[in-house]
Amino acid sequence: MMHQAIFEKDPANKKMTVTRPFSAELPLVWQAWTTAEILDQWWAPKPYKAVTHKMDFREGGSWHYAMVGPEGERHLCRNDYNTINPHESITAVDGFCNEQFEFNNDMPLMYWHMLFSEADGTTTVKIDITFDKAEDMETIVSMGFQEGFTAGLANLDEYLAGK
């Protein structure tokens, strides 16, 4: 069963909330969000691919990855993990990077708070994404975040359906 992502924007609080159910048990969904080899299979919207350079999934660790386009163009990103409560929640900071995987100060940072919950074999991931300022959220939205993330989450549905 295909589910839809719900995007709620709250510019006054510099926050966007994305809620997305998956027809899979929580341990499998958790693994898909926390394992580089699996993230590489679904994170990027097609025809892009996610390519992990390194991942250290622990509090204080990070995920360095590239979004690689069909013409070979690369957009480097970094996700720094702040808190991890296994099978419950993750907080992280995500942003675009330079070749040394240092955050690009000209691009907005996204502060992610992901909550995982399961009921009747359906796992819901609720993500609160906050920004330093409302304009940063507008920038990310104008870059196609909602469309791209929706496509990536549909890729995750496909991955989970094959498990």
Protein backbone atom coordinates (compact mmCIF):
# COMPACT_ATOMS: atom_id res chain seq x y z
CA MET A 1 0.00 0.00 0.00
CA MET A 2 1.37 3.39 -0.99
CA HIS A 3 1.13 6.16 1.57
CA GLN A 4 1.35 9.91 1.07
CA ALA A 5 3.66 12.29 2.88
CA ILE A 6 1.94 15.17 4.65
CA PHE A 7 3.89 18.44 4.63
CA GLU A 8 2.86 21.16 7.07
CA LYS A 9 4.65 24.51 6.92
CA ASP A 10 4.76 26.86 9.91
CA PRO A 11 6.79 29.92 8.78
CA ALA A 12 6.12 31.82 12.01
CA ASN A 13 8.01 29.13 13.92
CA LYS A 14 10.55 28.46 11.10
CA LYS A 15 9.35 24.86 11.00
CA MET A 16 8.17 22.26 8.52
CA THR A 17 6.67 18.95 9.62
CA VAL A 18 6.68 15.90 7.37
CA THR A 19 4.62 12.87 8.43
CA ARG A 20 4.88 9.65 6.44
CA PRO A 21 3.54 6.15 7.24
CA PHE A 22 5.19 3.02 5.81
CA SER A 23 3.69 -0.47 5.48
CA ALA A 24 6.54 -2.11 7.37
CA GLU A 25 7.57 -2.92 10.92
CA LEU A 26 9.60 -0.37 12.85
CA PRO A 27 12.94 -2.27 12.97
CA LEU A 28 13.02 -2.46 9.17
CA VAL A 29 12.12 1.24 8.72
CA TRP A 30 14.69 2.23 11.37
CA GLN A 31 17.37 0.21 9.57
CA ALA A 32 16.50 1.93 6.28
CA TRP A 33 17.09 5.38 7.85
CA THR A 34 20.30 4.42 9.67
CA THR A 35 22.29 2.18 7.29
CA ALA A 36 24.37 3.75 4.51
CA GLU A 37 23.91 0.88 2.06
CA ILE A 38 20.14 1.15 2.38
CA LEU A 39 20.01 4.97 2.38
CA ASP A 40 21.93 4.91 -0.90
CA GLN A 41 19.08 2.87 -2.41
CA TRP A 42 16.27 5.32 -1.61
CA TRP A 43 17.37 8.74 -0.31
CA ALA A 44 17.75 10.55 -3.64
CA PRO A 45 14.83 11.27 -5.97
CA LYS A 46 15.29 9.50 -9.31
CA PRO A 47 17.16 10.03 -11.60
CA TYR A 48 19.55 11.17 -8.84
CA LYS A 49 21.41 8.66 -6.69
CA ALA A 50 22.70 9.02 -3.14
CA VAL A 51 26.31 7.91 -2.73
CA THR A 52 27.69 7.62 0.80
CA HIS A 53 31.27 8.78 1.28
CA LYS A 54 31.29 7.85 4.96
CA MET A 55 28.79 7.17 7.70
CA ASP A 56 29.30 7.02 11.44
CA PHE A 57 25.82 6.47 12.88
CA ARG A 58 26.28 7.43 16.52
CA GLU A 59 25.71 10.50 18.65
CA GLY A 60 28.38 12.95 17.51
CA GLY A 61 28.86 11.02 14.25
CA SER A 62 27.93 12.07 10.75
CA TRP A 63 26.85 10.91 7.31
CA HIS A 64 28.74 12.41 4.35
CA TYR A 65 27.01 11.79 1.05
CA ALA A 66 26.59 13.09 -2.48
CA MET A 67 23.46 13.48 -4.52
CA VAL A 68 24.68 12.47 -7.99
CA GLY A 69 22.65 13.53 -11.00
CA PRO A 70 22.20 11.79 -14.35
CA GLU A 71 24.90 13.96 -15.96
CA GLY A 72 27.34 13.18 -13.11
CA GLU A 73 26.76 16.46 -11.27
CA ARG A 74 27.35 16.13 -7.53
CA HIS A 75 25.78 17.97 -4.60
CA LEU A 76 27.66 17.18 -1.40
CA CYS A 77 25.79 17.01 1.89
CA ARG A 78 26.50 16.28 5.54
CA ASN A 79 24.19 15.08 8.28
CA ASP A 80 25.50 15.41 11.86
CA TYR A 81 23.81 13.16 14.43
CA ASN A 82 23.13 14.86 17.76
CA THR A 83 20.90 12.40 19.64
CA ILE A 84 19.88 8.84 18.86
CA ASN A 85 17.26 6.87 20.80
CA PRO A 86 17.19 3.51 18.98
CA HIS A 87 13.86 2.75 17.28
CA GLU A 88 12.41 5.99 18.70
CA SER A 89 14.09 9.21 17.56
CA ILE A 90 17.04 10.92 15.91
CA THR A 91 18.05 14.57 15.96
CA ALA A 92 20.49 15.80 13.36
CA VAL A 93 21.69 18.84 11.42
CA ASP A 94 21.72 18.52 7.62
CA GLY A 95 23.17 20.82 5.00
CA PHE A 96 25.02 21.24 1.73
CA CYS A 97 28.82 21.05 1.86
CA ASN A 98 32.03 21.85 0.05
CA GLU A 99 34.53 19.20 -1.14
CA GLN A 100 35.91 18.86 2.41
CA PHE A 101 32.38 18.17 3.73
CA GLU A 102 32.33 21.46 5.63
CA PHE A 103 28.90 23.09 5.73
CA ASN A 104 28.32 25.68 3.00
CA ASN A 105 27.50 28.84 4.96
CA ASP A 106 25.68 30.27 1.94
CA MET A 107 23.05 27.53 2.15
CA PRO A 108 20.45 26.97 4.90
CA LEU A 109 20.96 24.34 7.58
CA MET A 110 18.07 22.02 8.39
CA TYR A 111 17.61 20.80 11.98
CA TRP A 112 15.84 17.43 11.90
CA HIS A 113 13.93 15.79 14.76
CA MET A 114 12.68 12.40 13.57
CA LEU A 115 10.19 10.35 15.58
CA PHE A 116 9.49 6.70 14.74
CA SER A 117 6.36 4.88 15.92
CA GLU A 118 4.56 1.68 14.95
CA ALA A 119 0.93 0.61 15.17
CA ASP A 120 -0.60 -2.49 13.56
CA GLY A 121 2.42 -3.16 11.33
CA THR A 122 2.55 0.42 10.00
CA THR A 123 5.51 2.57 10.98
CA THR A 124 5.09 6.34 10.93
CA VAL A 125 8.03 8.68 10.68
CA LYS A 126 7.27 12.23 11.82
CA ILE A 127 9.97 14.77 11.06
CA ASP A 128 10.07 18.28 12.47
CA ILE A 129 12.54 20.33 10.44
CA THR A 130 13.43 23.72 11.85
CA PHE A 131 15.47 26.50 10.28
CA ASP A 132 17.50 29.44 11.54
CA LYS A 133 15.07 31.82 9.82
CA ALA A 134 11.82 31.61 7.85
CA GLU A 135 13.65 32.67 4.67
CA ASP A 136 15.82 29.54 4.96
CA MET A 137 12.71 27.36 4.84
CA GLU A 138 11.48 29.30 1.78
CA THR A 139 14.87 28.71 0.08
CA ILE A 140 14.75 24.95 0.70
CA VAL A 141 11.12 24.74 -0.49
CA SER A 142 11.92 26.75 -3.64
CA MET A 143 14.76 24.29 -4.40
CA GLY A 144 12.17 21.50 -4.68
CA PHE A 145 12.61 19.89 -1.26
CA GLN A 146 8.99 18.77 -0.97
CA GLU A 147 8.92 17.16 -4.42
CA GLY A 148 12.36 15.58 -4.01
CA PHE A 149 11.74 14.25 -0.50
CA THR A 150 8.33 12.90 -1.55
CA ALA A 151 10.03 11.00 -4.40
CA GLY A 152 12.72 9.66 -2.06
CA LEU A 153 10.11 8.44 0.41
CA ALA A 154 8.32 6.65 -2.46
CA ASN A 155 11.67 4.97 -3.24
CA LEU A 156 11.73 3.81 0.40
CA ASP A 157 8.26 2.29 -0.08
CA GLU A 158 9.65 0.31 -3.02
CA TYR A 159 12.64 -0.86 -0.98
CA LEU A 160 10.45 -1.92 1.96
CA ALA A 161 8.01 -3.74 -0.34
CA GLY A 162 10.88 -5.96 -1.45
CA LYS A 163 11.74 -7.04 2.11
